[in-house]
């Protein structure tokens, strides 16, 4: 979530519309929708591609991360790789330049107030 906030505040509109930032945006959104891709209306509006993965509207409702049966798109190490690729693509991003830190507490998105594992 922090990486998405940094991208929002430090990249231009044109940069945010590029495939890797769009991919991160949809990953963050999917995680916030019970770990499933959430595409409504004309989403994804822009190409959302990272490495060999390309997101499209037909993926709506599918798992973001692979489960025990292998259903889903991303593996457990992929978020780290994604952040690494963003750092390489946008080397001037700075955490210290984040002007408005995220204000939603982690537990606010979890109805019963404690983290849980999604399988």
N, C-alpha and C. Protein backbone atom coordinates (compact mmCIF):
# COMPACT_ATOMS: atom_id res chain seq x y z
N UNK A 1 0.84 -1.18 0.00
CA UNK A 1 0.00 0.00 0.00
C UNK A 1 0.88 1.24 0.00
N UNK A 2 1.95 1.21 0.77
CA UNK A 2 2.86 2.35 0.81
C UNK A 2 3.47 2.60 -0.56
N UNK A 3 3.86 1.53 -1.26
CA UNK A 3 4.44 1.70 -2.59
C UNK A 3 3.45 2.38 -3.53
N UNK A 4 2.19 2.01 -3.45
CA UNK A 4 1.17 2.64 -4.29
C UNK A 4 1.02 4.11 -3.95
N UNK A 5 1.04 4.47 -2.67
CA UNK A 5 0.94 5.88 -2.26
C UNK A 5 2.13 6.67 -2.79
N UNK A 6 3.32 6.08 -2.76
CA UNK A 6 4.50 6.76 -3.27
C UNK A 6 4.35 7.00 -4.77
N UNK A 7 3.88 5.99 -5.49
CA UNK A 7 3.70 6.15 -6.93
C UNK A 7 2.68 7.23 -7.24
N UNK A 8 1.59 7.26 -6.50
CA UNK A 8 0.54 8.25 -6.73
C UNK A 8 1.09 9.66 -6.55
N UNK A 9 1.89 9.86 -5.51
CA UNK A 9 2.36 11.20 -5.20
C UNK A 9 3.57 11.64 -6.00
N UNK A 10 4.38 10.71 -6.48
CA UNK A 10 5.63 11.11 -7.11
C UNK A 10 5.68 10.91 -8.62
N UNK A 11 4.76 10.16 -9.18
CA UNK A 11 4.77 9.98 -10.63
C UNK A 11 3.75 10.89 -11.29
N UNK A 12 4.04 11.26 -12.52
CA UNK A 12 3.09 12.05 -13.29
C UNK A 12 1.91 11.16 -13.70
N UNK A 13 0.84 11.78 -14.17
CA UNK A 13 -0.31 11.01 -14.65
C UNK A 13 0.12 10.04 -15.75
N UNK A 14 0.96 10.50 -16.66
CA UNK A 14 1.42 9.66 -17.76
C UNK A 14 2.23 8.47 -17.24
N UNK A 15 3.07 8.71 -16.24
CA UNK A 15 3.85 7.62 -15.67
C UNK A 15 2.95 6.62 -14.93
N UNK A 16 1.97 7.11 -14.19
CA UNK A 16 1.06 6.22 -13.46
C UNK A 16 0.23 5.36 -14.40
N UNK A 17 0.04 5.81 -15.64
CA UNK A 17 -0.73 5.05 -16.63
C UNK A 17 0.11 3.98 -17.31
N UNK A 18 1.40 3.92 -17.01
CA UNK A 18 2.27 2.92 -17.62
C UNK A 18 1.97 1.53 -17.04
N UNK A 19 2.33 0.46 -17.76
CA UNK A 19 1.95 -0.89 -17.38
C UNK A 19 2.34 -1.36 -15.98
N UNK A 20 3.56 -1.08 -15.52
CA UNK A 20 3.97 -1.60 -14.20
C UNK A 20 3.24 -0.89 -13.07
N UNK A 21 3.15 0.45 -13.03
CA UNK A 21 2.35 1.07 -11.98
C UNK A 21 0.89 0.64 -12.01
N UNK A 22 0.34 0.42 -13.19
CA UNK A 22 -1.03 -0.06 -13.28
C UNK A 22 -1.16 -1.48 -12.72
N UNK A 23 -0.18 -2.29 -12.98
CA UNK A 23 -0.19 -3.65 -12.44
C UNK A 23 -0.19 -3.60 -10.92
N UNK A 24 0.69 -2.77 -10.34
CA UNK A 24 0.73 -2.63 -8.87
C UNK A 24 -0.60 -2.12 -8.35
N UNK A 25 -1.21 -1.18 -9.01
CA UNK A 25 -2.50 -0.64 -8.58
C UNK A 25 -3.55 -1.74 -8.51
N UNK A 26 -3.58 -2.59 -9.52
CA UNK A 26 -4.57 -3.66 -9.54
C UNK A 26 -4.25 -4.76 -8.52
N UNK A 27 -2.98 -5.02 -8.26
CA UNK A 27 -2.62 -5.98 -7.20
C UNK A 27 -3.12 -5.45 -5.87
N UNK A 28 -2.82 -4.18 -5.57
CA UNK A 28 -3.27 -3.58 -4.31
C UNK A 28 -4.80 -3.65 -4.21
N UNK A 29 -5.48 -3.31 -5.29
CA UNK A 29 -6.93 -3.34 -5.29
C UNK A 29 -7.46 -4.76 -5.09
N UNK A 30 -6.84 -5.73 -5.75
CA UNK A 30 -7.28 -7.11 -5.61
C UNK A 30 -7.09 -7.64 -4.20
N UNK A 31 -5.97 -7.29 -3.58
CA UNK A 31 -5.73 -7.71 -2.20
C UNK A 31 -6.80 -7.11 -1.29
N UNK A 32 -7.20 -5.89 -1.58
CA UNK A 32 -8.24 -5.24 -0.78
C UNK A 32 -9.64 -5.78 -1.05
N UNK A 33 -9.79 -6.59 -2.08
CA UNK A 33 -11.08 -7.21 -2.40
C UNK A 33 -11.00 -8.71 -2.16
N UNK A 34 -10.57 -9.07 -0.97
CA UNK A 34 -10.54 -10.46 -0.53
C UNK A 34 -9.60 -11.32 -1.38
N UNK A 35 -8.53 -10.71 -1.89
CA UNK A 35 -7.54 -11.46 -2.64
C UNK A 35 -7.95 -11.85 -4.04
N UNK A 36 -8.93 -11.14 -4.59
CA UNK A 36 -9.42 -11.47 -5.94
C UNK A 36 -9.39 -10.21 -6.81
N UNK A 37 -9.12 -10.43 -8.10
CA UNK A 37 -9.10 -9.31 -9.04
C UNK A 37 -10.48 -8.68 -9.09
N UNK A 38 -10.50 -7.36 -9.07
CA UNK A 38 -11.75 -6.60 -9.07
C UNK A 38 -11.71 -5.62 -10.24
N UNK A 39 -12.36 -5.98 -11.33
CA UNK A 39 -12.43 -5.12 -12.50
C UNK A 39 -13.88 -4.79 -12.77
N UNK A 40 -14.23 -3.52 -12.68
CA UNK A 40 -15.60 -3.09 -12.95
C UNK A 40 -15.59 -2.02 -14.03
N UNK A 41 -16.70 -1.90 -14.71
CA UNK A 41 -16.77 -0.90 -15.78
C UNK A 41 -15.77 -1.20 -16.87
N UNK A 42 -14.96 -0.22 -17.19
CA UNK A 42 -13.98 -0.41 -18.27
C UNK A 42 -12.58 -0.74 -17.74
N UNK A 43 -12.50 -1.28 -16.53
CA UNK A 43 -11.19 -1.66 -15.97
C UNK A 43 -10.71 -2.97 -16.56
N UNK A 44 -9.43 -3.13 -16.70
CA UNK A 44 -8.39 -2.11 -16.56
C UNK A 44 -8.40 -1.14 -17.74
N UNK A 45 -8.37 0.14 -17.42
CA UNK A 45 -8.40 1.20 -18.44
C UNK A 45 -7.11 1.28 -19.23
N UNK A 46 -6.01 1.01 -18.55
CA UNK A 46 -4.69 1.07 -19.18
C UNK A 46 -4.07 -0.32 -19.13
N UNK A 47 -3.09 -0.55 -20.00
CA UNK A 47 -2.38 -1.83 -19.98
C UNK A 47 -1.78 -2.04 -18.59
N UNK A 48 -2.02 -3.22 -18.04
CA UNK A 48 -1.49 -3.58 -16.72
C UNK A 48 -0.67 -4.84 -16.91
N UNK A 49 0.60 -4.65 -17.21
CA UNK A 49 1.49 -5.75 -17.53
C UNK A 49 2.76 -5.64 -16.70
N UNK A 50 3.20 -6.79 -16.21
CA UNK A 50 4.47 -6.87 -15.49
C UNK A 50 5.08 -8.22 -15.80
N UNK A 51 6.33 -8.19 -16.24
CA UNK A 51 7.04 -9.40 -16.68
C UNK A 51 6.16 -10.19 -17.64
N UNK A 52 5.81 -11.42 -17.30
CA UNK A 52 5.00 -12.24 -18.22
C UNK A 52 3.51 -12.16 -17.92
N UNK A 53 3.12 -11.34 -16.96
CA UNK A 53 1.72 -11.25 -16.54
C UNK A 53 1.03 -10.05 -17.18
N UNK A 54 -0.14 -10.27 -17.72
CA UNK A 54 -0.98 -9.20 -18.24
C UNK A 54 -2.38 -9.38 -17.68
N UNK A 55 -2.90 -8.32 -17.10
CA UNK A 55 -4.24 -8.37 -16.50
C UNK A 55 -5.28 -7.92 -17.52
N UNK A 56 -6.44 -8.55 -17.46
CA UNK A 56 -7.55 -8.11 -18.29
C UNK A 56 -8.86 -8.40 -17.57
N UNK A 57 -9.95 -7.87 -18.10
CA UNK A 57 -11.25 -7.94 -17.43
C UNK A 57 -11.76 -9.36 -17.25
N UNK A 58 -11.30 -10.30 -18.05
CA UNK A 58 -11.77 -11.68 -17.91
C UNK A 58 -11.28 -12.32 -16.62
N UNK A 59 -10.32 -11.68 -15.95
CA UNK A 59 -9.76 -12.22 -14.71
C UNK A 59 -10.57 -11.80 -13.48
N UNK A 60 -11.58 -10.98 -13.67
CA UNK A 60 -12.41 -10.50 -12.56
C UNK A 60 -12.87 -11.68 -11.69
N UNK A 61 -12.64 -11.57 -10.39
CA UNK A 61 -13.06 -12.60 -9.44
C UNK A 61 -12.06 -13.71 -9.23
N UNK A 62 -11.04 -13.81 -10.06
CA UNK A 62 -10.03 -14.84 -9.88
C UNK A 62 -9.06 -14.42 -8.78
N UNK A 63 -8.35 -15.39 -8.24
CA UNK A 63 -7.40 -15.14 -7.16
C UNK A 63 -6.19 -14.34 -7.64
N UNK A 64 -5.75 -13.40 -6.81
CA UNK A 64 -4.53 -12.66 -7.09
C UNK A 64 -3.33 -13.58 -6.86
N UNK A 65 -3.30 -14.26 -5.71
CA UNK A 65 -2.18 -15.12 -5.34
C UNK A 65 -2.57 -16.59 -5.44
N UNK A 66 -1.61 -17.39 -5.83
CA UNK A 66 -1.85 -18.82 -5.96
C UNK A 66 -2.23 -19.42 -4.61
N UNK A 67 -3.21 -20.33 -4.64
CA UNK A 67 -3.59 -21.03 -3.44
C UNK A 67 -2.89 -22.39 -3.41
N UNK A 68 -3.26 -23.22 -2.49
CA UNK A 68 -2.62 -24.52 -2.31
C UNK A 68 -2.77 -25.41 -3.55
N UNK A 69 -3.81 -25.17 -4.34
CA UNK A 69 -4.04 -25.95 -5.57
C UNK A 69 -3.37 -25.33 -6.79
N UNK A 70 -2.73 -24.19 -6.62
CA UNK A 70 -2.08 -23.51 -7.73
C UNK A 70 -2.99 -22.57 -8.50
N UNK A 71 -4.23 -22.38 -8.00
CA UNK A 71 -5.15 -21.43 -8.65
C UNK A 71 -4.77 -20.02 -8.24
N UNK A 72 -4.63 -19.16 -9.18
CA UNK A 72 -4.24 -17.77 -8.93
C UNK A 72 -3.09 -17.38 -9.84
N UNK A 73 -2.73 -16.13 -9.79
CA UNK A 73 -1.72 -15.62 -10.73
C UNK A 73 -0.33 -15.52 -10.11
N UNK A 74 -0.21 -14.85 -8.99
CA UNK A 74 1.10 -14.52 -8.42
C UNK A 74 1.55 -15.53 -7.38
N UNK A 75 2.84 -15.76 -7.35
CA UNK A 75 3.44 -16.60 -6.32
C UNK A 75 3.86 -15.76 -5.13
N UNK A 76 4.30 -16.40 -4.05
CA UNK A 76 4.62 -15.66 -2.82
C UNK A 76 5.78 -14.67 -2.95
N UNK A 77 6.71 -14.89 -3.85
CA UNK A 77 7.84 -13.96 -4.01
C UNK A 77 7.59 -12.85 -5.02
N UNK A 78 6.50 -12.94 -5.75
CA UNK A 78 6.24 -11.95 -6.80
C UNK A 78 6.10 -10.52 -6.30
N UNK A 79 5.46 -10.25 -5.15
CA UNK A 79 5.38 -8.85 -4.71
C UNK A 79 6.76 -8.21 -4.50
N UNK A 80 7.71 -9.00 -4.02
CA UNK A 80 9.06 -8.47 -3.82
C UNK A 80 9.71 -8.17 -5.17
N UNK A 81 9.53 -9.08 -6.12
CA UNK A 81 10.06 -8.85 -7.47
C UNK A 81 9.42 -7.62 -8.11
N UNK A 82 8.13 -7.46 -7.92
CA UNK A 82 7.42 -6.31 -8.48
C UNK A 82 7.96 -5.01 -7.90
N UNK A 83 8.14 -4.97 -6.59
CA UNK A 83 8.69 -3.76 -5.96
C UNK A 83 10.11 -3.49 -6.44
N UNK A 84 10.90 -4.55 -6.62
CA UNK A 84 12.26 -4.40 -7.14
C UNK A 84 12.22 -3.79 -8.54
N UNK A 85 11.35 -4.31 -9.39
CA UNK A 85 11.26 -3.80 -10.75
C UNK A 85 10.80 -2.34 -10.78
N UNK A 86 9.91 -1.98 -9.88
CA UNK A 86 9.47 -0.58 -9.79
C UNK A 86 10.64 0.30 -9.36
N UNK A 87 11.42 -0.18 -8.39
CA UNK A 87 12.57 0.59 -7.94
C UNK A 87 13.57 0.79 -9.08
N UNK A 88 13.76 -0.23 -9.91
CA UNK A 88 14.68 -0.12 -11.04
C UNK A 88 14.13 0.80 -12.12
N UNK A 89 12.83 0.73 -12.36
CA UNK A 89 12.21 1.55 -13.41
C UNK A 89 12.11 3.02 -13.02
N UNK A 90 11.97 3.29 -11.73
CA UNK A 90 11.79 4.65 -11.23
C UNK A 90 12.78 4.91 -10.10
N UNK A 91 14.07 5.03 -10.42
CA UNK A 91 15.10 5.13 -9.38
C UNK A 91 15.03 6.41 -8.54
N UNK A 92 14.29 7.40 -8.99
CA UNK A 92 14.23 8.66 -8.23
C UNK A 92 13.12 8.69 -7.18
N UNK A 93 12.34 7.62 -7.05
CA UNK A 93 11.30 7.58 -6.01
C UNK A 93 11.95 7.57 -4.63
N UNK A 94 11.39 8.33 -3.74
CA UNK A 94 11.93 8.44 -2.38
C UNK A 94 10.82 8.26 -1.36
N UNK A 95 11.03 7.40 -0.41
CA UNK A 95 10.05 7.22 0.67
C UNK A 95 9.97 8.48 1.50
N UNK A 96 11.08 9.17 1.68
CA UNK A 96 11.09 10.38 2.51
C UNK A 96 10.25 11.49 1.91
N UNK A 97 9.94 11.40 0.62
CA UNK A 97 9.14 12.44 -0.03
C UNK A 97 7.65 12.19 0.08
N UNK A 98 7.26 11.11 0.73
CA UNK A 98 5.85 10.82 0.91
C UNK A 98 5.26 11.89 1.81
N UNK A 99 4.39 12.72 1.27
CA UNK A 99 3.90 13.86 2.03
C UNK A 99 2.69 13.52 2.90
N UNK A 100 1.89 12.56 2.48
CA UNK A 100 0.71 12.20 3.26
C UNK A 100 0.75 10.70 3.52
N UNK A 101 1.14 10.28 4.71
CA UNK A 101 1.20 8.84 4.97
C UNK A 101 -0.20 8.24 4.96
N UNK A 102 -0.29 6.95 4.61
CA UNK A 102 -1.60 6.30 4.65
C UNK A 102 -2.21 6.44 6.03
N UNK A 103 -3.48 6.80 6.09
CA UNK A 103 -4.12 7.06 7.38
C UNK A 103 -5.03 5.94 7.84
N UNK A 104 -5.24 4.93 7.00
CA UNK A 104 -6.13 3.84 7.37
C UNK A 104 -5.32 2.80 8.14
N UNK A 105 -5.70 2.51 9.38
CA UNK A 105 -4.97 1.48 10.12
C UNK A 105 -5.15 0.11 9.46
N UNK A 106 -4.15 -0.73 9.57
CA UNK A 106 -4.18 -2.04 8.93
C UNK A 106 -5.42 -2.82 9.32
N UNK A 107 -5.80 -2.75 10.57
CA UNK A 107 -6.94 -3.54 11.04
C UNK A 107 -8.28 -2.98 10.59
N UNK A 108 -8.30 -1.75 10.05
CA UNK A 108 -9.57 -1.16 9.64
C UNK A 108 -10.22 -1.92 8.49
N UNK A 109 -9.41 -2.53 7.65
CA UNK A 109 -9.95 -3.26 6.51
C UNK A 109 -10.37 -4.69 6.87
N UNK A 110 -10.05 -5.11 8.08
CA UNK A 110 -10.37 -6.46 8.52
C UNK A 110 -11.51 -6.37 9.52
N UNK A 111 -12.69 -6.89 9.17
CA UNK A 111 -13.88 -6.69 9.99
C UNK A 111 -13.73 -7.08 11.45
N UNK A 112 -13.00 -8.12 11.74
CA UNK A 112 -12.89 -8.56 13.13
C UNK A 112 -11.66 -8.01 13.82
N UNK A 113 -10.90 -7.14 13.16
CA UNK A 113 -9.84 -6.38 13.81
C UNK A 113 -8.52 -7.10 14.00
N UNK A 114 -8.31 -8.21 13.34
CA UNK A 114 -7.00 -8.85 13.45
C UNK A 114 -6.62 -9.44 12.10
N UNK A 115 -5.32 -9.45 11.79
CA UNK A 115 -4.87 -10.00 10.52
C UNK A 115 -5.18 -11.49 10.42
N UNK A 116 -5.29 -11.97 9.20
CA UNK A 116 -5.52 -13.39 8.98
C UNK A 116 -4.83 -13.81 7.69
N UNK A 117 -4.64 -15.09 7.54
CA UNK A 117 -4.04 -15.61 6.32
C UNK A 117 -5.13 -15.94 5.33
N UNK A 118 -4.90 -15.57 4.08
CA UNK A 118 -5.87 -15.89 3.04
C UNK A 118 -5.36 -17.10 2.29
N UNK A 119 -6.17 -18.10 2.16
CA UNK A 119 -5.77 -19.31 1.45
C UNK A 119 -6.68 -19.51 0.27
